[in-house]
Amino acid sequence: MDRRLQRRFEILVHEHLHAANGLANGLSALPGAGTAFASTQAAWRFYNNEAVSLEGLIQPLQEAGRLALSTSDADWALIVHDWSTLSYGDHDSKKDRARLTHKHDVGYELSTALLVDTGKGCPLAPMELRLRAARAVHSTRQPAPRKSAKRLDQLLPTMEASRNWNLSLPVVHVIDREADSVGHFRQWQAAGHHFLVRADDVRTVRWNDEKYALPAIVKKLEKQGVFRETRTVCYHGREAQQWIAETTVVLDRAAKRRTSRGRREIPGPPLSLRLIVSQVRAADGELLAQWLLFTNLPQNVAAERVAVWYYWRWRIESYFKLLKSAGQNLEDWRQTNAAAIARRLLVASMACVAVWLLAHDESPLAEDFRLLLVRLSGRQMKWGRPWTAPALLAGMWTLLAMLDLLEHHDLKHLRRLAAQFIPFTDTS
């Protein structure tokens, strides 16, 4: 982008450093931006400017991710993959809406590859975004996938692209249970990628040269006493313990592929994977939760670390929440097409990155700044939680507005105005 567009990008990021609501989902123009209408016009031109490419807008995010990862003391990096539907059922002006879950649920589908620090579990930056509309997929990576491409089929090209992101650490790709697909496992393994996927609880595998359903293997591991307690965790507000067991299983079944003629079986070589069972138990031994995980990570990565890494997968859910109801109110945005929504998404994501950088800064100055922003946000925190990401977002906007206002107005004059027109205001 030329310098003028770069400057507009910076202003838009500042204008997204706030928590929006359904009644005010547009931009919040800073006091020095002239008029709100002028700011909205400038934003509209930016989001609909064909010279502003998604490939260009993702570069500051990728650079932020690289820089943050280079300062980490971790030895691996996570790329978390997930999808989120953006419902725009009452936005008739968006003529390119796609069908989502059913014919009355229309909008766009957001796909994200989020970089996460394995040391602290903090999100660093989205490294790739794709937005599926009715007629096309708007992607930060070119060539974009076909609009008919299945979700899992889009993962290998993203994994391949991650090798060109110049990350300083080896990568493990983390995906939820939807990705339990032996055909894709074979593809990823053959291409040399490390993955961590939650297994389907009813999956059948070969174990000790016999076929077992995964729940049966878990019961045998429990009888053998191989589970070990690894750490204390908080589960739904109560203290609990995490227990870990590990074994090796073989997936030798044929992959199943849906075609226009029905399901087709695709045989492939046996695939040996680590099965890691993570359980959360109460003090009395009651099983509270359980996750079954498939991974091809090397054995020198301890099973308890792998279990924690899967827990970090939830950081992408927090990212979606910050874009939606907890922060940017994405599903109320009024841009009229997916291309403009995708551009604004990347701007809003840069605002999220700014919040994350502050949230996980351990310096005393950062701690003071976080407390200041919470105070400016006007939000009350739950007991024991000094701050939240949405509160930091809201506080940043208030601070930026204050600083911008003070550049254009004399403080004494503002105090006189407050004393005259705001009841019970003491400006002495």
Protein backbone atom coordinates (compact mmCIF):
# COMPACT_ATOMS: atom_id res chain seq x y z
CA MET A 1 0.00 0.00 0.00
CA ASP A 2 1.11 3.57 -0.60
CA ARG A 3 1.79 5.86 2.35
CA ARG A 4 -1.69 7.41 2.26
CA LEU A 5 -3.37 4.02 2.55
CA GLN A 6 -0.91 2.96 5.25
CA ARG A 7 -1.86 6.02 7.28
CA ARG A 8 -5.57 5.26 6.80
CA PHE A 9 -4.88 1.68 7.98
CA GLU A 10 -3.25 3.00 11.17
CA ILE A 11 -6.21 5.32 11.87
CA LEU A 12 -8.69 2.48 11.30
CA VAL A 13 -6.82 0.22 13.70
CA HIS A 14 -7.06 2.98 16.35
CA GLU A 15 -10.77 3.34 15.64
CA HIS A 16 -11.21 -0.40 16.26
CA LEU A 17 -9.53 -0.25 19.67
CA HIS A 18 -12.87 -0.22 21.41
CA ALA A 19 -15.66 -2.59 22.37
CA ALA A 20 -18.65 -1.93 20.12
CA ASN A 21 -22.28 -2.79 20.73
CA GLY A 22 -25.22 -3.72 18.57
CA LEU A 23 -26.60 -0.17 18.54
CA ALA A 24 -23.27 1.45 17.62
CA ASN A 25 -21.49 -1.13 15.51
CA GLY A 26 -19.80 1.28 13.14
CA LEU A 27 -16.58 3.17 13.59
CA SER A 28 -16.03 5.38 16.60
CA ALA A 29 -14.25 8.38 15.15
CA LEU A 30 -11.55 9.92 17.32
CA PRO A 31 -12.22 13.53 18.37
CA GLY A 32 -9.55 14.88 16.03
CA ALA A 33 -10.88 13.02 13.00
CA GLY A 34 -13.12 15.87 11.84
CA THR A 35 -16.66 14.53 11.73
CA ALA A 36 -17.92 11.01 12.27
CA PHE A 37 -19.41 11.13 8.78
CA ALA A 38 -16.03 11.99 7.24
CA SER A 39 -14.43 9.14 9.14
CA THR A 40 -17.11 6.72 7.95
CA GLN A 41 -16.65 7.86 4.35
CA ALA A 42 -12.89 7.33 4.56
CA ALA A 43 -13.41 3.86 6.02
CA TRP A 44 -15.89 2.96 3.27
CA ARG A 45 -13.39 4.00 0.60
CA PHE A 46 -10.65 1.94 2.27
CA TYR A 47 -12.71 -1.24 2.62
CA ASN A 48 -13.93 -1.04 -0.97
CA ASN A 49 -10.59 -0.01 -2.48
CA GLU A 50 -9.32 -2.79 -4.80
CA ALA A 51 -5.78 -1.49 -4.27
CA VAL A 52 -6.06 -2.64 -0.65
CA SER A 53 -5.43 -6.37 -1.00
CA LEU A 54 -5.97 -9.00 1.66
CA GLU A 55 -2.43 -10.22 0.98
CA GLY A 56 -1.16 -6.76 1.90
CA LEU A 57 -3.34 -6.38 5.00
CA ILE A 58 -2.22 -9.73 6.47
CA GLN A 59 1.46 -8.73 6.33
CA PRO A 60 1.46 -6.49 9.45
CA LEU A 61 -0.30 -9.29 11.35
CA GLN A 62 2.20 -11.90 10.20
CA GLU A 63 5.09 -9.61 11.08
CA ALA A 64 3.60 -9.05 14.56
CA GLY A 65 3.35 -12.83 15.00
CA ARG A 66 6.93 -13.41 13.87
CA LEU A 67 8.27 -10.70 16.16
CA ALA A 68 6.35 -11.94 19.21
CA LEU A 69 7.42 -15.54 18.57
CA SER A 70 11.08 -14.56 18.22
CA THR A 71 11.07 -13.26 21.82
CA SER A 72 9.42 -16.40 23.23
CA ASP A 73 11.36 -18.93 25.28
CA ALA A 74 9.23 -21.78 23.87
CA ASP A 75 10.65 -24.51 21.61
CA TRP A 76 7.49 -25.07 19.52
CA ALA A 77 4.76 -22.87 18.10
CA LEU A 78 1.08 -23.70 17.69
CA ILE A 79 -0.99 -22.92 14.62
CA VAL A 80 -4.62 -23.34 15.68
CA HIS A 81 -7.12 -23.87 12.86
CA ASP A 82 -10.84 -23.29 13.26
CA TRP A 83 -13.98 -22.03 11.56
CA SER A 84 -16.67 -19.62 12.72
CA THR A 85 -19.97 -18.74 11.07
CA LEU A 86 -20.89 -15.07 10.70
CA SER A 87 -24.67 -14.82 10.61
CA TYR A 88 -26.17 -11.93 8.64
CA GLY A 89 -29.75 -13.14 8.33
CA ASP A 90 -31.29 -9.65 8.38
CA HIS A 91 -28.63 -7.93 6.24
CA ASP A 92 -30.42 -7.99 2.90
CA SER A 93 -27.95 -5.51 1.42
CA LYS A 94 -25.29 -8.25 1.48
CA LYS A 95 -26.13 -9.95 -1.81
CA ASP A 96 -23.26 -12.47 -1.63
CA ARG A 97 -24.31 -14.23 1.56
CA ALA A 98 -23.81 -17.99 1.60
CA ARG A 99 -26.00 -20.63 3.17
CA LEU A 100 -24.50 -21.70 6.51
CA THR A 101 -26.20 -24.28 8.73
CA HIS A 102 -29.64 -24.22 7.07
CA LYS A 103 -31.50 -22.26 4.38
CA HIS A 104 -32.59 -19.51 6.78
CA ASP A 105 -29.09 -19.15 8.28
CA VAL A 106 -27.10 -17.06 5.81
CA GLY A 107 -23.90 -15.07 6.03
CA TYR A 108 -20.21 -15.89 5.68
CA GLU A 109 -17.84 -18.52 7.06
CA LEU A 110 -14.59 -17.34 8.63
CA SER A 111 -11.55 -19.65 8.60
CA THR A 112 -8.53 -18.71 10.70
CA ALA A 113 -5.00 -19.96 11.37
CA LEU A 114 -4.00 -18.43 14.72
CA LEU A 115 -0.42 -18.39 16.00
CA VAL A 116 -0.18 -19.26 19.72
CA ASP A 117 2.82 -19.28 22.07
CA THR A 118 3.30 -22.75 23.60
CA GLY A 119 5.16 -21.33 26.58
CA LYS A 120 2.48 -18.99 27.94
CA GLY A 121 -0.48 -20.09 25.86
CA CYS A 122 -1.08 -16.56 24.65
CA PRO A 123 -2.44 -15.78 21.15
CA LEU A 124 0.03 -13.83 19.04
CA ALA A 125 -1.60 -13.10 15.67
CA PRO A 126 -3.84 -14.60 12.98
CA MET A 127 -1.48 -15.67 10.20
CA GLU A 128 -4.16 -16.46 7.61
CA LEU A 129 -7.85 -15.60 7.18
CA ARG A 130 -10.40 -16.83 4.67
CA LEU A 131 -13.98 -15.68 4.28
CA ARG A 132 -16.34 -17.90 2.28
CA ALA A 133 -19.20 -16.14 0.53
CA ALA A 134 -21.79 -17.41 -1.96
CA ARG A 135 -19.66 -16.92 -5.04
CA ALA A 136 -16.04 -16.90 -3.85
CA VAL A 137 -13.59 -17.37 -0.99
CA HIS A 138 -11.80 -14.15 -0.02
CA SER A 139 -8.39 -15.26 1.23
CA THR A 140 -5.18 -13.67 2.49
CA ARG A 141 -3.34 -16.49 0.68
CA GLN A 142 -3.38 -16.78 -3.09
CA PRO A 143 -4.57 -18.68 -4.93
CA ALA A 144 -7.73 -18.71 -2.83
CA PRO A 145 -9.51 -22.04 -2.32
CA ARG A 146 -12.47 -22.88 -4.52
CA LYS A 147 -15.75 -21.97 -2.84
CA SER A 148 -16.76 -25.64 -3.01
CA ALA A 149 -13.57 -26.83 -1.24
CA LYS A 150 -14.23 -28.83 1.92
CA ARG A 151 -12.99 -27.45 5.21
CA LEU A 152 -10.38 -30.14 5.81
CA ASP A 153 -9.13 -29.97 2.22
CA GLN A 154 -8.17 -26.34 2.84
CA LEU A 155 -5.81 -27.23 5.68
CA LEU A 156 -2.91 -28.77 3.76
CA PRO A 157 -2.38 -25.66 1.56
CA THR A 158 -2.36 -23.54 4.74
CA MET A 159 0.13 -25.91 6.37
CA GLU A 160 2.34 -25.66 3.29
CA ALA A 161 2.05 -21.86 3.32
CA SER A 162 3.14 -21.76 6.98
CA ARG A 163 6.61 -22.88 5.88
CA ASN A 164 6.97 -19.52 4.14
CA TRP A 165 5.95 -17.44 7.18
CA ASN A 166 9.58 -17.45 8.42
CA LEU A 167 8.62 -18.53 11.92
CA SER A 168 11.55 -19.05 14.26
CA LEU A 169 10.19 -22.29 15.79
CA PRO A 170 8.87 -25.61 14.49
CA VAL A 171 5.10 -25.70 14.18
CA VAL A 172 2.40 -28.11 15.31
CA HIS A 173 -1.04 -27.68 13.77
CA VAL A 174 -3.92 -28.01 16.25
CA ILE A 175 -7.47 -28.80 15.11
CA ASP A 176 -10.62 -29.89 16.91
CA ARG A 177 -12.48 -33.20 16.52
CA GLU A 178 -13.81 -32.28 13.08
CA ALA A 179 -10.33 -33.02 11.70
CA ASP A 180 -10.28 -36.69 12.82
CA SER A 181 -9.87 -37.99 9.28
CA VAL A 182 -7.40 -40.77 8.49
CA GLY A 183 -7.10 -39.68 4.86
CA HIS A 184 -6.03 -36.18 5.87
CA PHE A 185 -3.75 -37.55 8.58
CA ARG A 186 -1.90 -39.51 5.89
CA GLN A 187 -1.62 -36.43 3.68
CA TRP A 188 -0.25 -34.27 6.49
CA GLN A 189 2.18 -36.98 7.61
CA ALA A 190 3.45 -37.52 4.06
CA ALA A 191 4.03 -33.76 3.69
CA GLY A 192 6.06 -33.69 6.92
CA HIS A 193 3.67 -31.66 9.09
CA HIS A 194 3.14 -32.18 12.82
CA PHE A 195 -0.48 -32.20 13.97
CA LEU A 196 -2.54 -32.51 17.15
CA VAL A 197 -6.20 -33.43 16.70
CA ARG A 198 -8.93 -34.35 19.14
CA ALA A 199 -10.12 -37.86 18.31
CA ASP A 200 -13.70 -38.92 17.74
CA ASP A 201 -14.62 -40.77 20.95
CA VAL A 202 -16.08 -43.74 19.08
CA ARG A 203 -13.15 -44.21 16.70
CA THR A 204 -11.86 -47.78 16.18
CA VAL A 205 -8.09 -48.33 15.87
CA ARG A 206 -5.56 -51.16 16.03
CA TRP A 207 -3.88 -51.53 19.42
CA ASN A 208 -1.57 -54.37 20.44
CA ASP A 209 -2.38 -56.05 17.10
CA GLU A 210 -6.11 -56.10 17.81
CA LYS A 211 -8.96 -53.77 16.92
CA TYR A 212 -10.41 -51.68 19.74
CA ALA A 213 -12.77 -48.77 20.08
CA LEU A 214 -11.05 -45.88 21.85
CA PRO A 215 -13.28 -46.06 24.99
CA ALA A 216 -12.22 -49.70 25.44
CA ILE A 217 -8.55 -48.71 25.26
CA VAL A 218 -9.11 -46.02 27.89
CA LYS A 219 -10.67 -48.58 30.25
CA LYS A 220 -7.74 -50.94 29.81
CA LEU A 221 -5.26 -48.12 30.47
CA GLU A 222 -7.17 -47.31 33.68
CA LYS A 223 -7.01 -50.95 34.79
CA GLN A 224 -3.28 -51.04 34.05
CA GLY A 225 -2.78 -48.02 36.32
CA VAL A 226 -0.79 -46.06 33.75
CA PHE A 227 -2.58 -42.75 34.35
CA ARG A 228 -0.49 -40.24 36.27
CA GLU A 229 -1.50 -36.99 37.92
CA THR A 230 0.22 -34.05 36.24
CA ARG A 231 -1.19 -30.79 37.57
CA THR A 232 -3.99 -29.00 39.40
CA VAL A 233 -6.50 -27.23 37.18
CA CYS A 234 -9.61 -25.09 37.60
CA TYR A 235 -12.67 -26.75 36.09
CA HIS A 236 -15.87 -24.69 36.05
CA GLY A 237 -14.73 -22.76 39.10
CA ARG A 238 -13.71 -25.78 41.15
CA GLU A 239 -10.26 -27.21 41.82
CA ALA A 240 -9.53 -30.50 40.06
CA GLN A 241 -6.62 -32.64 38.93
CA GLN A 242 -5.46 -33.51 35.43
CA TRP A 243 -4.44 -37.11 34.75
CA ILE A 244 -2.56 -38.25 31.64
CA ALA A 245 -2.03 -41.61 29.96
CA GLU A 246 -0.37 -42.41 26.64
CA THR A 247 -0.09 -45.31 24.25
CA THR A 248 0.55 -45.95 20.54
CA VAL A 249 -2.22 -46.90 18.12
CA VAL A 250 -2.32 -47.70 14.42
CA LEU A 251 -4.89 -46.36 11.97
CA ASP A 252 -5.06 -48.85 9.11
CA ARG A 253 -8.61 -48.39 7.85
CA ALA A 254 -9.41 -46.99 4.43
CA ALA A 255 -10.25 -43.32 4.17
CA LYS A 256 -13.79 -42.50 3.10
CA ARG A 257 -14.43 -39.80 0.56
CA ARG A 258 -17.87 -38.45 -0.34
CA THR A 259 -18.35 -38.03 -4.09
CA SER A 260 -21.29 -37.34 -6.40
CA ARG A 261 -21.70 -41.12 -6.70
CA GLY A 262 -21.70 -41.75 -2.98
CA ARG A 263 -18.94 -42.69 -0.54
CA ARG A 264 -15.68 -44.05 -1.94
CA GLU A 265 -13.07 -45.91 0.11
CA ILE A 266 -9.43 -44.91 -0.38
CA PRO A 267 -6.94 -47.41 1.10
CA GLY A 268 -3.63 -46.18 2.47
CA PRO A 269 -0.62 -47.30 4.48
CA PRO A 270 -0.99 -47.97 8.24
CA LEU A 271 -0.37 -44.83 10.26
CA SER A 272 1.13 -45.06 13.75
CA LEU A 273 0.09 -42.23 16.07
CA ARG A 274 0.40 -41.36 19.72
CA LEU A 275 -2.91 -41.55 21.60
CA ILE A 276 -2.89 -39.22 24.61
CA VAL A 277 -5.77 -39.43 27.06
CA SER A 278 -6.30 -36.31 29.19
CA GLN A 279 -8.75 -36.59 32.07
CA VAL A 280 -9.92 -34.02 34.60
CA ARG A 281 -10.91 -35.64 37.91
CA ALA A 282 -12.37 -34.27 41.10
CA ALA A 283 -10.64 -34.86 44.43
CA ASP A 284 -12.85 -37.92 45.04
CA GLY A 285 -11.86 -39.43 41.67
CA GLU A 286 -15.04 -38.47 39.79
CA LEU A 287 -14.36 -38.06 36.07
CA LEU A 288 -15.31 -34.49 35.11
CA ALA A 289 -14.02 -34.31 31.53
CA GLN A 290 -11.95 -36.31 29.07
CA TRP A 291 -10.13 -35.58 25.81
CA LEU A 292 -8.64 -38.19 23.46
CA LEU A 293 -5.85 -36.75 21.33
CA PHE A 294 -4.08 -38.04 18.21
CA THR A 295 -0.64 -36.62 17.40
CA ASN A 296 2.46 -37.45 15.37
CA LEU A 297 4.70 -35.26 17.52
CA PRO A 298 8.00 -36.92 18.46
CA GLN A 299 8.23 -38.83 21.74
CA ASN A 300 10.55 -36.22 23.25
CA VAL A 301 7.54 -33.90 23.53
CA ALA A 302 6.01 -35.06 26.80
CA ALA A 303 2.37 -36.15 26.81
CA GLU A 304 1.45 -33.64 29.53
CA ARG A 305 2.80 -30.82 27.36
CA VAL A 306 0.73 -32.03 24.42
CA ALA A 307 -2.40 -32.04 26.59
CA VAL A 308 -1.75 -28.46 27.66
CA TRP A 309 -1.18 -27.45 24.04
CA TYR A 310 -4.58 -28.78 23.10
CA TYR A 311 -6.02 -26.70 25.95
CA TRP A 312 -4.44 -23.63 24.31
CA ARG A 313 -6.64 -24.37 21.29
CA TRP A 314 -9.41 -22.48 23.07
CA ARG A 315 -7.50 -19.26 22.44
CA ILE A 316 -9.03 -19.16 18.98
CA GLU A 317 -12.50 -19.26 20.51
CA SER A 318 -11.53 -16.22 22.61
CA TYR A 319 -10.36 -14.51 19.40
CA PHE A 320 -13.71 -15.14 17.72
CA LYS A 321 -15.50 -13.89 20.83
CA LEU A 322 -13.42 -10.70 20.85
CA LEU A 323 -14.37 -10.12 17.21
CA LYS A 324 -18.03 -10.78 17.98
CA SER A 325 -20.13 -10.11 21.07
CA ALA A 326 -17.28 -9.41 23.52
CA GLY A 327 -15.63 -6.72 21.44
CA GLN A 328 -16.07 -5.72 17.82
CA ASN A 329 -19.66 -6.93 17.22
CA LEU A 330 -18.65 -8.30 13.86
CA GLU A 331 -22.08 -9.71 13.08
CA ASP A 332 -23.56 -6.20 13.13
CA TRP A 333 -21.11 -4.70 10.62
CA ARG A 334 -22.92 -2.99 7.74
CA GLN A 335 -20.41 -3.40 4.91
CA THR A 336 -22.37 -4.72 1.94
CA ASN A 337 -20.13 -7.51 0.67
CA ALA A 338 -17.68 -10.15 1.87
CA ALA A 339 -14.64 -8.44 0.33
CA ALA A 340 -15.20 -5.31 2.45
CA ILE A 341 -15.96 -7.40 5.55
CA ALA A 342 -12.71 -9.32 5.02
CA ARG A 343 -10.67 -6.11 4.82
CA ARG A 344 -12.28 -4.77 7.97
CA LEU A 345 -11.69 -8.10 9.71
CA LEU A 346 -7.95 -7.73 9.19
CA VAL A 347 -8.01 -4.19 10.58
CA ALA A 348 -9.98 -5.35 13.62
CA SER A 349 -7.58 -8.27 14.07
CA MET A 350 -4.69 -5.82 14.35
CA ALA A 351 -6.56 -4.17 17.22
CA CYS A 352 -6.89 -7.61 18.85
CA VAL A 353 -3.14 -8.14 18.49
CA ALA A 354 -2.49 -4.84 20.28
CA VAL A 355 -4.67 -6.03 23.17
CA TRP A 356 -2.91 -9.41 23.34
CA LEU A 357 0.54 -7.83 23.39
CA LEU A 358 -0.44 -5.73 26.38
CA ALA A 359 -2.35 -8.54 28.09
CA HIS A 360 0.67 -10.83 28.22
CA ASP A 361 3.38 -8.26 28.92
CA GLU A 362 4.79 -9.15 32.35
CA SER A 363 6.54 -5.83 33.05
CA PRO A 364 5.40 -3.69 36.02
CA LEU A 365 4.66 -0.81 33.64
CA ALA A 366 2.32 -3.01 31.61
CA GLU A 367 0.52 -4.07 34.78
CA ASP A 368 -0.03 -0.44 35.75
CA PHE A 369 -1.25 0.34 32.25
CA ARG A 370 -3.73 -2.55 32.30
CA LEU A 371 -5.22 -1.34 35.58
CA LEU A 372 -5.49 2.18 34.14
CA LEU A 373 -7.31 0.91 31.06
CA VAL A 374 -9.76 -1.12 33.14
CA ARG A 375 -10.50 2.01 35.15
CA LEU A 376 -11.05 4.01 31.95
CA SER A 377 -13.28 1.27 30.54
CA GLY A 378 -15.77 1.77 33.38
CA ARG A 379 -16.23 -2.00 33.67
CA GLN A 380 -16.44 -4.02 36.84
CA MET A 381 -14.22 -7.11 37.01
CA LYS A 382 -15.08 -10.42 38.64
CA TRP A 383 -13.35 -11.13 41.93
CA GLY A 384 -9.81 -12.33 41.27
CA ARG A 385 -9.72 -11.11 37.66
CA PRO A 386 -7.96 -7.74 37.45
CA TRP A 387 -8.65 -7.34 33.73
CA THR A 388 -10.21 -8.89 30.62
CA ALA A 389 -9.39 -8.45 26.95
CA PRO A 390 -12.71 -6.64 26.20
CA ALA A 391 -12.07 -4.27 29.11
CA LEU A 392 -8.58 -3.48 27.80
CA LEU A 393 -10.08 -2.88 24.36
CA ALA A 394 -12.67 -0.48 25.77
CA GLY A 395 -10.09 1.31 27.91
CA MET A 396 -7.73 1.77 24.97
CA TRP A 397 -10.43 3.61 23.04
CA THR A 398 -11.17 5.93 25.96
CA LEU A 399 -7.48 6.72 26.42
CA LEU A 400 -6.92 7.35 22.70
CA ALA A 401 -9.97 9.62 22.59
CA MET A 402 -8.70 11.54 25.63
CA LEU A 403 -5.22 12.00 24.16
CA ASP A 404 -6.63 13.04 20.81
CA LEU A 405 -9.02 15.49 22.49
CA LEU A 406 -6.24 17.09 24.54
CA GLU A 407 -4.25 17.72 21.37
CA HIS A 408 -7.06 19.92 20.05
CA HIS A 409 -8.56 21.48 23.20
CA ASP A 410 -7.13 23.30 26.20
CA LEU A 411 -7.52 21.40 29.48
CA LYS A 412 -8.60 24.49 31.42
CA HIS A 413 -11.30 25.22 28.85
CA LEU A 414 -12.58 21.62 29.12
CA ARG A 415 -12.76 21.95 32.90
CA ARG A 416 -14.77 25.17 32.61
CA LEU A 417 -17.21 23.49 30.22
CA ALA A 418 -17.59 20.51 32.54
CA ALA A 419 -18.17 22.74 35.57
CA GLN A 420 -20.84 24.72 33.74
CA PHE A 421 -22.80 21.99 32.03
CA ILE A 422 -22.27 18.77 34.03
CA PRO A 423 -24.01 18.85 37.45
CA PHE A 424 -21.95 18.22 40.57
CA THR A 425 -18.64 18.44 38.71
CA ASP A 426 -15.73 19.63 40.82
CA THR A 427 -12.91 20.86 38.57
CA SER A 428 -10.91 22.63 41.25
